[in-house]
Every structure is written in C-alpha cells, then in structure tokens.
Amino acid sequence: RIGLYSILYTVPATFVIGIYFYELRYRAAWEENSLCNDCLNLSHSSSIIQPNFTIYMAKYFFLLIVGITTGLW
C-alpha cells in the first residue's frame, strides 16, 4: 500500500516541481513583456513570449491530485 501511495504522490509532485522550474526560467521574459508592451526592444525578436495556459492548469490539477492522494491516505 505504501508503494502505491508513494507513486501516486511523487509522480504529480514531480510534475509540479518541473512546472515551477518552467515558471522560474521564463518569469523575467513574461514580466518584461507585460510591463513594456509598447516598447521597441532591438535585442528581442518580434515574437512575444507569454505563459502557456495549459501548463498552469496542469500545475493546479497536479496540486489537487497530490492533495487528494494525501487526503485519501
């Protein structure tokens, strides 16, 4: 039983940690784009980097799965 619980807990928690690293990696670019929407910056290309909505929903889903798994245990 403990092995099943550990798998059901660690797999979603690992995804959440990976998403936290994703947020950490791109946060500066997201903040720069949101604060300077009208600025012309020659060092960046014309594409705008924005957070991916699906990844954020996956983060909250996996956080809920971790909580549900803990609650059921």
Protein backbone atom coordinates (compact mmCIF):
# COMPACT_ATOMS: atom_id res chain seq x y z
CA ARG A 1 0.00 0.00 0.00
CA ILE A 2 2.74 2.44 0.84
CA GLY A 3 4.37 1.83 -2.54
CA LEU A 4 1.16 2.69 -4.37
CA TYR A 5 0.73 5.80 -2.25
CA SER A 6 4.29 6.90 -2.87
CA ILE A 7 3.84 6.55 -6.64
CA LEU A 8 0.51 8.41 -6.57
CA TYR A 9 2.15 11.18 -4.55
CA THR A 10 5.58 11.54 -6.13
CA VAL A 11 4.59 11.49 -9.81
CA PRO A 12 2.25 14.51 -9.62
CA ALA A 13 4.61 16.27 -7.20
CA THR A 14 7.45 15.81 -9.71
CA PHE A 15 5.35 17.43 -12.43
CA VAL A 16 4.60 20.37 -10.13
CA ILE A 17 8.30 20.85 -9.40
CA GLY A 18 9.04 20.76 -13.14
CA ILE A 19 6.39 23.41 -13.76
CA TYR A 20 7.92 25.56 -11.02
CA PHE A 21 11.24 25.38 -12.88
CA TYR A 22 9.41 26.35 -16.10
CA GLU A 23 7.96 29.39 -14.33
CA LEU A 24 11.34 30.33 -12.90
CA ARG A 25 13.01 30.07 -16.31
CA TYR A 26 10.58 32.32 -18.19
CA ARG A 27 9.31 34.69 -15.48
CA ALA A 28 11.70 37.53 -16.38
CA ALA A 29 10.64 37.47 -20.04
CA TRP A 30 6.95 37.38 -19.10
CA GLU A 31 7.33 40.33 -16.75
CA GLU A 32 9.28 42.28 -19.34
CA ASN A 33 6.61 41.67 -21.96
CA SER A 34 3.77 42.61 -19.63
CA LEU A 35 5.44 45.77 -18.33
CA CYS A 36 6.77 47.01 -21.65
CA ASN A 37 4.07 46.16 -24.15
CA ASP A 38 4.63 49.21 -26.37
CA CYS A 39 8.43 49.34 -26.14
CA LEU A 40 10.63 48.59 -29.12
CA ASN A 41 13.49 46.44 -27.95
CA LEU A 42 16.02 45.67 -30.66
CA SER A 43 17.62 42.81 -28.75
CA HIS A 44 14.46 40.69 -28.87
CA SER A 45 12.64 39.39 -31.89
CA SER A 46 9.12 40.46 -32.78
CA SER A 47 7.60 37.40 -31.11
CA ILE A 48 6.17 37.86 -27.63
CA ILE A 49 6.72 35.19 -25.02
CA GLN A 50 3.64 34.55 -22.89
CA PRO A 51 2.81 31.93 -20.26
CA ASN A 52 1.13 28.80 -21.52
CA PHE A 53 -2.38 28.47 -20.07
CA THR A 54 -2.35 24.67 -20.36
CA ILE A 55 0.77 24.37 -18.24
CA TYR A 56 -0.78 26.47 -15.49
CA MET A 57 -3.95 24.39 -15.49
CA ALA A 58 -1.81 21.25 -15.34
CA LYS A 59 0.02 22.69 -12.33
CA TYR A 60 -3.21 23.23 -10.42
CA PHE A 61 -4.54 19.83 -11.49
CA PHE A 62 -1.43 18.07 -10.22
CA LEU A 63 -1.51 20.08 -6.99
CA LEU A 64 -5.08 18.89 -6.46
CA ILE A 65 -4.11 15.30 -7.21
CA VAL A 66 -1.35 15.49 -4.58
CA GLY A 67 -3.85 16.87 -2.04
CA ILE A 68 -6.49 14.29 -2.86
CA THR A 69 -3.96 11.48 -2.60
CA THR A 70 -2.83 12.74 0.79
CA GLY A 71 -6.39 13.15 1.99
CA LEU A 72 -7.37 9.65 0.94
CA TRP A 73 -4.39 8.14 2.68
